[in-house]
Amino acid sequence: MIAMVRAWIATRSERERWLLGLAVAVALAAMTASTVATVHEDLRTLSARVQGRERELAQVRRLARTVAATSGGSGGDASLSAILQSAAEAAGLGDRLAAMSPTAATTDTPARLRLRVSGTSLAEAIGFLHALGGDSSSPGIAHLGLRKHPDDVQRFDLTLEATGAPTP
């Protein structure tokens, strides 16, 4: 078959061979463009589906935290630590939790939980704050601090003090 096509092309004039080559190039370009457009559209559709699933997962996690907090845990500090731990896990920072220590409540201030995450990027810190959520069941943030690493300017130590109730 290939030999027949080559023989047929050989019988064509120089101009006809050049036009055939141009037609083949245009056909290949059209097929490539069509394939790229199809793949691009599929990727956009998949990206939209993934973002939808991520929103659903975030809502499920918020609901799970609400259920865990209202189902009678071992106290405010335990549910607050569970909320902070799950938010750190959701942001991919669970392995970099350096410390989580409660502070005592006084008559002026409620009990707080101090959390320290080491070696986080700015994007991960923002992801952690988003994972904490902004709904009515999310903990209040009394203090937030970022300290830059002296040897790596893109890494920070995140310090956060959270209260069991949202701060006004």
N, C-alpha and C. Protein backbone atom coordinates (compact mmCIF):
# COMPACT_ATOMS: atom_id res chain seq x y z
N MET A 1 0.82 -1.19 0.00
CA MET A 1 0.00 0.00 0.00
C MET A 1 0.87 1.26 0.00
N ILE A 2 1.88 1.26 0.89
CA ILE A 2 2.77 2.41 0.94
C ILE A 2 3.54 2.55 -0.38
N ALA A 3 3.92 1.41 -0.94
CA ALA A 3 4.64 1.45 -2.22
C ALA A 3 3.75 2.02 -3.32
N MET A 4 2.47 1.70 -3.29
CA MET A 4 1.55 2.23 -4.29
C MET A 4 1.39 3.74 -4.16
N VAL A 5 1.33 4.22 -2.91
CA VAL A 5 1.20 5.66 -2.66
C VAL A 5 2.45 6.38 -3.12
N ARG A 6 3.62 5.80 -2.81
CA ARG A 6 4.88 6.41 -3.24
C ARG A 6 4.97 6.44 -4.78
N ALA A 7 4.54 5.38 -5.43
CA ALA A 7 4.58 5.34 -6.89
C ALA A 7 3.63 6.37 -7.48
N TRP A 8 2.46 6.51 -6.89
CA TRP A 8 1.50 7.49 -7.37
C TRP A 8 2.04 8.91 -7.20
N ILE A 9 2.68 9.17 -6.03
CA ILE A 9 3.26 10.49 -5.78
C ILE A 9 4.40 10.77 -6.75
N ALA A 10 5.17 9.75 -7.08
CA ALA A 10 6.30 9.92 -7.99
C ALA A 10 5.83 10.32 -9.39
N THR A 11 4.60 9.93 -9.77
CA THR A 11 4.10 10.28 -11.10
C THR A 11 3.55 11.71 -11.16
N ARG A 12 3.42 12.36 -10.00
CA ARG A 12 2.90 13.72 -9.95
C ARG A 12 4.01 14.71 -10.29
N SER A 13 3.60 15.88 -10.70
CA SER A 13 4.58 16.94 -11.01
C SER A 13 5.09 17.54 -9.70
N GLU A 14 6.13 18.36 -9.80
CA GLU A 14 6.73 19.00 -8.62
C GLU A 14 5.70 19.87 -7.89
N ARG A 15 4.93 20.61 -8.65
CA ARG A 15 3.92 21.48 -8.06
C ARG A 15 2.85 20.66 -7.35
N GLU A 16 2.39 19.57 -7.96
CA GLU A 16 1.37 18.72 -7.34
C GLU A 16 1.91 18.07 -6.06
N ARG A 17 3.17 17.65 -6.06
CA ARG A 17 3.76 17.06 -4.85
C ARG A 17 3.82 18.10 -3.73
N TRP A 18 4.18 19.34 -4.09
CA TRP A 18 4.24 20.40 -3.09
C TRP A 18 2.84 20.68 -2.53
N LEU A 19 1.83 20.72 -3.36
CA LEU A 19 0.46 20.94 -2.91
C LEU A 19 -0.05 19.78 -2.06
N LEU A 20 0.32 18.55 -2.42
CA LEU A 20 -0.06 17.39 -1.59
C LEU A 20 0.59 17.48 -0.21
N GLY A 21 1.87 17.87 -0.18
CA GLY A 21 2.56 18.04 1.11
C GLY A 21 1.90 19.11 1.96
N LEU A 22 1.51 20.21 1.31
CA LEU A 22 0.83 21.29 2.02
C LEU A 22 -0.53 20.81 2.55
N ALA A 23 -1.27 20.05 1.74
CA ALA A 23 -2.57 19.53 2.18
C ALA A 23 -2.42 18.59 3.37
N VAL A 24 -1.39 17.75 3.33
CA VAL A 24 -1.13 16.83 4.45
C VAL A 24 -0.77 17.63 5.71
N ALA A 25 0.05 18.67 5.55
CA ALA A 25 0.44 19.48 6.71
C ALA A 25 -0.77 20.19 7.31
N VAL A 26 -1.65 20.73 6.47
CA VAL A 26 -2.85 21.40 6.96
C VAL A 26 -3.76 20.40 7.68
N ALA A 27 -3.91 19.21 7.11
CA ALA A 27 -4.76 18.19 7.75
C ALA A 27 -4.18 17.78 9.11
N LEU A 28 -2.86 17.60 9.19
CA LEU A 28 -2.23 17.25 10.47
C LEU A 28 -2.39 18.38 11.48
N ALA A 29 -2.24 19.62 11.04
CA ALA A 29 -2.41 20.76 11.95
C ALA A 29 -3.84 20.83 12.47
N ALA A 30 -4.81 20.58 11.60
CA ALA A 30 -6.22 20.61 12.01
C ALA A 30 -6.52 19.50 13.01
N MET A 31 -5.99 18.31 12.75
CA MET A 31 -6.21 17.19 13.68
C MET A 31 -5.54 17.47 15.02
N THR A 32 -4.34 18.05 15.00
CA THR A 32 -3.65 18.36 16.25
C THR A 32 -4.41 19.42 17.03
N ALA A 33 -4.87 20.46 16.35
CA ALA A 33 -5.63 21.51 17.03
C ALA A 33 -6.92 20.97 17.62
N SER A 34 -7.58 20.10 16.89
CA SER A 34 -8.82 19.50 17.40
C SER A 34 -8.54 18.65 18.63
N THR A 35 -7.46 17.88 18.59
CA THR A 35 -7.10 17.03 19.74
C THR A 35 -6.75 17.89 20.95
N VAL A 36 -5.97 18.94 20.74
CA VAL A 36 -5.59 19.82 21.84
C VAL A 36 -6.82 20.49 22.44
N ALA A 37 -7.74 20.95 21.60
CA ALA A 37 -8.96 21.59 22.10
C ALA A 37 -9.80 20.61 22.90
N THR A 38 -9.89 19.39 22.45
CA THR A 38 -10.66 18.37 23.17
C THR A 38 -10.03 18.07 24.53
N VAL A 39 -8.71 17.90 24.54
CA VAL A 39 -8.02 17.61 25.80
C VAL A 39 -8.15 18.79 26.76
N HIS A 40 -8.03 20.01 26.24
CA HIS A 40 -8.17 21.20 27.09
C HIS A 40 -9.56 21.27 27.71
N GLU A 41 -10.57 21.01 26.94
CA GLU A 41 -11.94 21.03 27.46
C GLU A 41 -12.15 19.93 28.51
N ASP A 42 -11.60 18.74 28.25
CA ASP A 42 -11.70 17.66 29.23
C ASP A 42 -11.01 18.03 30.53
N LEU A 43 -9.84 18.67 30.44
CA LEU A 43 -9.13 19.07 31.65
C LEU A 43 -9.90 20.13 32.42
N ARG A 44 -10.53 21.06 31.71
CA ARG A 44 -11.35 22.06 32.39
C ARG A 44 -12.53 21.41 33.10
N THR A 45 -13.16 20.46 32.45
CA THR A 45 -14.29 19.76 33.07
C THR A 45 -13.84 18.98 34.31
N LEU A 46 -12.71 18.29 34.20
CA LEU A 46 -12.20 17.53 35.35
C LEU A 46 -11.80 18.46 36.48
N SER A 47 -11.20 19.59 36.15
CA SER A 47 -10.82 20.56 37.18
C SER A 47 -12.05 21.08 37.92
N ALA A 48 -13.11 21.36 37.20
CA ALA A 48 -14.34 21.82 37.83
C ALA A 48 -14.92 20.74 38.74
N ARG A 49 -14.85 19.49 38.31
CA ARG A 49 -15.35 18.39 39.14
C ARG A 49 -14.53 18.25 40.41
N VAL A 50 -13.20 18.37 40.29
CA VAL A 50 -12.32 18.25 41.46
C VAL A 50 -12.60 19.39 42.44
N GLN A 51 -12.76 20.61 41.94
CA GLN A 51 -13.05 21.74 42.82
C GLN A 51 -14.39 21.55 43.52
N GLY A 52 -15.36 21.01 42.83
CA GLY A 52 -16.64 20.71 43.46
C GLY A 52 -16.51 19.68 44.56
N ARG A 53 -15.73 18.64 44.30
CA ARG A 53 -15.51 17.61 45.33
C ARG A 53 -14.76 18.17 46.52
N GLU A 54 -13.79 19.07 46.27
CA GLU A 54 -13.06 19.68 47.37
C GLU A 54 -13.98 20.54 48.24
N ARG A 55 -14.89 21.27 47.61
CA ARG A 55 -15.86 22.06 48.38
C ARG A 55 -16.76 21.14 49.20
N GLU A 56 -17.21 20.04 48.60
CA GLU A 56 -18.04 19.09 49.34
C GLU A 56 -17.28 18.49 50.51
N LEU A 57 -16.01 18.14 50.29
CA LEU A 57 -15.20 17.57 51.36
C LEU A 57 -14.99 18.57 52.49
N ALA A 58 -14.75 19.84 52.15
CA ALA A 58 -14.58 20.86 53.18
C ALA A 58 -15.86 21.02 53.99
N GLN A 59 -17.00 20.97 53.32
CA GLN A 59 -18.26 21.08 54.04
C GLN A 59 -18.49 19.87 54.94
N VAL A 60 -18.15 18.69 54.46
CA VAL A 60 -18.29 17.48 55.28
C VAL A 60 -17.38 17.57 56.51
N ARG A 61 -16.16 18.07 56.31
CA ARG A 61 -15.25 18.21 57.46
C ARG A 61 -15.78 19.21 58.47
N ARG A 62 -16.33 20.33 57.98
CA ARG A 62 -16.91 21.30 58.91
C ARG A 62 -18.07 20.68 59.68
N LEU A 63 -18.91 19.94 58.98
CA LEU A 63 -20.04 19.29 59.66
C LEU A 63 -19.55 18.24 60.66
N ALA A 64 -18.49 17.51 60.30
CA ALA A 64 -17.94 16.52 61.22
C ALA A 64 -17.37 17.19 62.47
N ARG A 65 -16.72 18.34 62.29
CA ARG A 65 -16.21 19.07 63.46
C ARG A 65 -17.36 19.55 64.33
N THR A 66 -18.43 20.01 63.69
CA THR A 66 -19.59 20.48 64.45
C THR A 66 -20.21 19.32 65.22
N VAL A 67 -20.35 18.19 64.59
CA VAL A 67 -20.92 17.02 65.26
C VAL A 67 -20.01 16.56 66.40
N ALA A 68 -18.70 16.57 66.17
CA ALA A 68 -17.76 16.15 67.22
C ALA A 68 -17.79 17.12 68.38
N ALA A 69 -17.94 18.40 68.10
CA ALA A 69 -17.95 19.41 69.16
C ALA A 69 -19.25 19.35 69.96
N THR A 70 -20.36 19.05 69.31
CA THR A 70 -21.65 19.04 70.01
C THR A 70 -22.04 17.68 70.55
N SER A 71 -21.26 16.64 70.23
CA SER A 71 -21.66 15.30 70.69
C SER A 71 -21.13 14.98 72.07
N GLY A 72 -20.64 15.97 72.78
CA GLY A 72 -20.23 15.73 74.16
C GLY A 72 -18.85 15.12 74.25
N GLY A 73 -17.85 15.81 73.75
CA GLY A 73 -16.48 15.34 73.86
C GLY A 73 -16.01 15.47 75.29
N SER A 74 -14.72 15.38 75.52
CA SER A 74 -14.19 15.42 76.87
C SER A 74 -13.97 16.84 77.36
N GLY A 75 -14.51 17.83 76.66
CA GLY A 75 -14.39 19.21 77.10
C GLY A 75 -14.09 20.11 75.93
N GLY A 76 -14.04 21.42 76.21
CA GLY A 76 -13.79 22.40 75.17
C GLY A 76 -12.41 22.27 74.57
N ASP A 77 -11.39 21.99 75.41
CA ASP A 77 -10.03 21.90 74.90
C ASP A 77 -9.87 20.71 73.97
N ALA A 78 -10.53 19.59 74.29
CA ALA A 78 -10.38 18.40 73.45
C ALA A 78 -11.00 18.63 72.08
N SER A 79 -12.19 19.25 72.03
CA SER A 79 -12.81 19.48 70.73
C SER A 79 -12.05 20.55 69.96
N LEU A 80 -11.52 21.54 70.65
CA LEU A 80 -10.73 22.58 70.00
C LEU A 80 -9.45 21.97 69.43
N SER A 81 -8.82 21.10 70.17
CA SER A 81 -7.60 20.46 69.65
C SER A 81 -7.93 19.55 68.47
N ALA A 82 -9.08 18.90 68.52
CA ALA A 82 -9.48 18.06 67.38
C ALA A 82 -9.75 18.90 66.14
N ILE A 83 -10.36 20.07 66.34
CA ILE A 83 -10.63 20.96 65.21
C ILE A 83 -9.32 21.45 64.60
N LEU A 84 -8.39 21.88 65.45
CA LEU A 84 -7.10 22.37 64.95
C LEU A 84 -6.30 21.25 64.29
N GLN A 85 -6.34 20.06 64.87
CA GLN A 85 -5.62 18.92 64.30
C GLN A 85 -6.20 18.56 62.93
N SER A 86 -7.52 18.52 62.82
CA SER A 86 -8.12 18.16 61.54
C SER A 86 -7.86 19.24 60.49
N ALA A 87 -7.83 20.50 60.89
CA ALA A 87 -7.52 21.58 59.94
C ALA A 87 -6.08 21.48 59.47
N ALA A 88 -5.17 21.14 60.38
CA ALA A 88 -3.76 20.98 60.01
C ALA A 88 -3.60 19.79 59.06
N GLU A 89 -4.31 18.70 59.32
CA GLU A 89 -4.26 17.54 58.43
C GLU A 89 -4.82 17.88 57.06
N ALA A 90 -5.93 18.63 57.05
CA ALA A 90 -6.56 19.00 55.78
C ALA A 90 -5.64 19.90 54.96
N ALA A 91 -4.84 20.73 55.62
CA ALA A 91 -3.92 21.62 54.91
C ALA A 91 -2.59 20.94 54.60
N GLY A 92 -2.42 19.69 55.01
CA GLY A 92 -1.18 18.97 54.74
C GLY A 92 -0.07 19.33 55.70
N LEU A 93 -0.42 19.85 56.88
CA LEU A 93 0.58 20.28 57.84
C LEU A 93 0.63 19.39 59.09
N GLY A 94 -0.07 18.27 59.06
CA GLY A 94 -0.14 17.42 60.24
C GLY A 94 1.21 16.91 60.71
N ASP A 95 2.11 16.66 59.77
CA ASP A 95 3.43 16.15 60.15
C ASP A 95 4.36 17.24 60.65
N ARG A 96 3.98 18.50 60.52
CA ARG A 96 4.84 19.61 60.95
C ARG A 96 4.31 20.34 62.17
N LEU A 97 3.32 19.74 62.85
CA LEU A 97 2.85 20.33 64.10
C LEU A 97 3.96 20.22 65.13
N ALA A 98 4.47 21.34 65.60
CA ALA A 98 5.58 21.33 66.55
C ALA A 98 5.08 21.29 67.98
N ALA A 99 3.99 21.98 68.26
CA ALA A 99 3.47 22.03 69.63
C ALA A 99 1.99 22.38 69.60
N MET A 100 1.28 21.85 70.60
CA MET A 100 -0.11 22.20 70.81
C MET A 100 -0.31 22.19 72.32
N SER A 101 -0.42 23.38 72.91
CA SER A 101 -0.51 23.45 74.36
C SER A 101 -1.65 24.36 74.78
N PRO A 102 -2.43 23.92 75.78
CA PRO A 102 -3.54 24.75 76.26
C PRO A 102 -3.02 25.83 77.22
N THR A 103 -3.74 26.93 77.27
CA THR A 103 -3.46 27.97 78.26
C THR A 103 -4.65 28.02 79.20
N ALA A 104 -4.39 28.36 80.43
CA ALA A 104 -5.44 28.35 81.45
C ALA A 104 -6.40 29.51 81.26
N ALA A 105 -7.64 29.25 81.60
CA ALA A 105 -8.66 30.29 81.51
C ALA A 105 -8.61 31.15 82.76
N THR A 106 -8.84 32.43 82.57
CA THR A 106 -8.95 33.35 83.70
C THR A 106 -10.36 33.91 83.69
N THR A 107 -10.63 34.81 84.62
CA THR A 107 -11.96 35.41 84.65
C THR A 107 -12.18 36.33 83.46
N ASP A 108 -11.09 36.88 82.92
CA ASP A 108 -11.21 37.79 81.79
C ASP A 108 -11.20 37.07 80.45
N THR A 109 -10.44 36.01 80.34
CA THR A 109 -10.25 35.33 79.05
C THR A 109 -10.67 33.87 79.14
N PRO A 110 -11.22 33.35 78.07
CA PRO A 110 -11.56 31.92 78.04
C PRO A 110 -10.30 31.08 77.83
N ALA A 111 -10.44 29.79 77.97
CA ALA A 111 -9.31 28.89 77.73
C ALA A 111 -8.92 28.96 76.26
N ARG A 112 -7.62 28.91 76.02
CA ARG A 112 -7.10 28.99 74.66
C ARG A 112 -6.19 27.80 74.41
N LEU A 113 -5.97 27.55 73.15
CA LEU A 113 -5.06 26.49 72.75
C LEU A 113 -4.03 27.11 71.81
N ARG A 114 -2.75 26.98 72.18
CA ARG A 114 -1.67 27.54 71.36
C ARG A 114 -1.11 26.42 70.48
N LEU A 115 -1.03 26.73 69.19
CA LEU A 115 -0.57 25.77 68.19
C LEU A 115 0.65 26.36 67.49
N ARG A 116 1.68 25.54 67.27
CA ARG A 116 2.86 25.99 66.53
C ARG A 116 3.15 24.99 65.43
N VAL A 117 3.27 25.49 64.22
CA VAL A 117 3.60 24.68 63.04
C VAL A 117 4.92 25.19 62.50
N SER A 118 5.88 24.31 62.29
CA SER A 118 7.19 24.75 61.83
C SER A 118 7.40 24.42 60.36
N GLY A 119 8.14 25.29 59.67
CA GLY A 119 8.54 25.04 58.29
C GLY A 119 7.42 25.07 57.29
N THR A 120 6.49 25.98 57.43
CA THR A 120 5.36 26.06 56.50
C THR A 120 5.59 27.18 55.50
N SER A 121 5.07 27.01 54.31
CA SER A 121 5.12 28.09 53.32
C SER A 121 3.94 29.01 53.57
N LEU A 122 3.97 30.16 52.94
CA LEU A 122 2.88 31.11 53.09
C LEU A 122 1.58 30.52 52.52
N ALA A 123 1.67 29.82 51.41
CA ALA A 123 0.49 29.21 50.81
C ALA A 123 -0.09 28.13 51.73
N GLU A 124 0.77 27.35 52.39
CA GLU A 124 0.28 26.33 53.31
C GLU A 124 -0.38 26.96 54.54
N ALA A 125 0.19 28.08 55.01
CA ALA A 125 -0.41 28.77 56.16
C ALA A 125 -1.80 29.29 55.81
N ILE A 126 -1.94 29.84 54.62
CA ILE A 126 -3.24 30.33 54.18
C ILE A 126 -4.20 29.16 53.99
N GLY A 127 -3.71 28.05 53.45
CA GLY A 127 -4.55 26.85 53.33
C GLY A 127 -5.02 26.36 54.69
N PHE A 128 -4.17 26.44 55.70
CA PHE A 128 -4.54 26.04 57.06
C PHE A 128 -5.65 26.94 57.59
N LEU A 129 -5.53 28.25 57.37
CA LEU A 129 -6.57 29.17 57.83
C LEU A 129 -7.88 28.93 57.10
N HIS A 130 -7.80 28.62 55.81
CA HIS A 130 -9.02 28.28 55.07
C HIS A 130 -9.63 26.98 55.58
N ALA A 131 -8.77 26.03 55.96
CA ALA A 131 -9.29 24.76 56.47
C ALA A 131 -9.99 24.95 57.81
N LEU A 132 -9.55 25.95 58.58
CA LEU A 132 -10.25 26.24 59.83
C LEU A 132 -11.66 26.72 59.55
N GLY A 133 -11.87 27.34 58.41
CA GLY A 133 -13.21 27.75 57.99
C GLY A 133 -13.61 29.07 58.61
N GLY A 134 -14.65 29.61 58.07
CA GLY A 134 -15.15 30.88 58.56
C GLY A 134 -16.60 30.79 58.99
N ASP A 135 -17.08 29.59 59.28
CA ASP A 135 -18.48 29.44 59.67
C ASP A 135 -18.63 29.64 61.18
N SER A 136 -19.83 29.47 61.67
CA SER A 136 -20.11 29.73 63.08
C SER A 136 -19.48 28.69 64.00
N SER A 137 -19.13 27.51 63.49
CA SER A 137 -18.54 26.48 64.35
C SER A 137 -17.03 26.54 64.38
N SER A 138 -16.43 27.44 63.61
CA SER A 138 -14.97 27.51 63.58
C SER A 138 -14.47 28.22 64.84
N PRO A 139 -13.28 27.86 65.30
CA PRO A 139 -12.76 28.49 66.51
C PRO A 139 -12.36 29.94 66.25
N GLY A 140 -12.36 30.72 67.32
CA GLY A 140 -11.90 32.09 67.21
C GLY A 140 -10.38 32.12 67.26
N ILE A 141 -9.79 33.04 66.53
CA ILE A 141 -8.34 33.17 66.53
C ILE A 141 -7.99 34.41 67.32
N ALA A 142 -7.33 34.20 68.48
CA ALA A 142 -6.97 35.31 69.34
C ALA A 142 -5.62 35.90 68.95
N HIS A 143 -4.74 35.07 68.40
CA HIS A 143 -3.40 35.54 68.01
C HIS A 143 -2.91 34.70 66.84
N LEU A 144 -2.27 35.37 65.90
CA LEU A 144 -1.68 34.69 64.75
C LEU A 144 -0.33 35.32 64.48
N GLY A 145 0.69 34.50 64.40
CA GLY A 145 2.03 35.02 64.14
C GLY A 145 2.78 34.16 63.14
N LEU A 146 3.55 34.82 62.29
CA LEU A 146 4.42 34.14 61.33
C LEU A 146 5.83 34.64 61.56
N ARG A 147 6.76 33.74 61.76
CA ARG A 147 8.16 34.10 61.93
C ARG A 147 8.95 33.45 60.81
N LYS A 148 9.67 34.28 60.07
CA LYS A 148 10.43 33.81 58.92
C LYS A 148 11.67 33.05 59.39
N HIS A 149 11.99 31.94 58.70
CA HIS A 149 13.21 31.20 58.98
C HIS A 149 14.41 32.01 58.50
N PRO A 150 15.47 32.09 59.27
CA PRO A 150 16.63 32.87 58.82
C PRO A 150 17.38 32.23 57.65
N ASP A 151 17.32 30.92 57.52
CA ASP A 151 18.06 30.25 56.45
C ASP A 151 17.22 30.00 55.20
N ASP A 152 15.90 30.13 55.28
CA ASP A 152 15.03 29.93 54.13
C ASP A 152 13.89 30.95 54.20
N VAL A 153 13.95 31.95 53.33
CA VAL A 153 12.98 33.05 53.42
C VAL A 153 11.59 32.64 52.95
N GLN A 154 11.44 31.46 52.39
CA GLN A 154 10.12 31.01 51.95
C GLN A 154 9.44 30.11 52.97
N ARG A 155 10.07 29.88 54.10
CA ARG A 155 9.50 29.03 55.16
C ARG A 155 9.26 29.86 56.41
N PHE A 156 8.18 29.53 57.12
CA PHE A 156 7.77 30.27 58.30
C PHE A 156 7.45 29.30 59.42
N ASP A 157 7.51 29.83 60.65
CA ASP A 157 6.93 29.15 61.80
C ASP A 157 5.62 29.86 62.09
N LEU A 158 4.54 29.11 62.10
CA LEU A 158 3.21 29.66 62.33
C LEU A 158 2.83 29.41 63.78
N THR A 159 2.42 30.47 64.47
CA THR A 159 1.93 30.36 65.84
C THR A 159 0.50 30.89 65.85
N LEU A 160 -0.40 30.10 66.46
CA LEU A 160 -1.80 30.46 66.46
C LEU A 160 -2.37 30.18 67.84
N GLU A 161 -3.11 31.12 68.38
CA GLU A 161 -3.85 30.90 69.62
C GLU A 161 -5.32 30.92 69.29
N ALA A 162 -5.99 29.82 69.58
CA ALA A 162 -7.41 29.69 69.23
C ALA A 162 -8.24 29.58 70.49
N THR A 163 -9.43 30.14 70.43
CA THR A 163 -10.40 30.03 71.51
C THR A 163 -11.54 29.13 71.03
N GLY A 164 -12.30 28.59 71.95
CA GLY A 164 -13.38 27.70 71.58
C GLY A 164 -14.52 28.40 70.89
N ALA A 165 -14.69 29.69 71.14
CA ALA A 165 -15.78 30.43 70.52
C ALA A 165 -15.19 31.47 69.58
N PRO A 166 -15.90 31.79 68.53
CA PRO A 166 -15.39 32.82 67.60
C PRO A 166 -15.22 34.15 68.32
N THR A 167 -14.14 34.86 67.95
CA THR A 167 -13.91 36.18 68.53
C THR A 167 -14.71 37.20 67.74
N PRO A 168 -15.23 38.22 68.42
CA PRO A 168 -16.04 39.22 67.70
C PRO A 168 -15.21 40.08 66.78
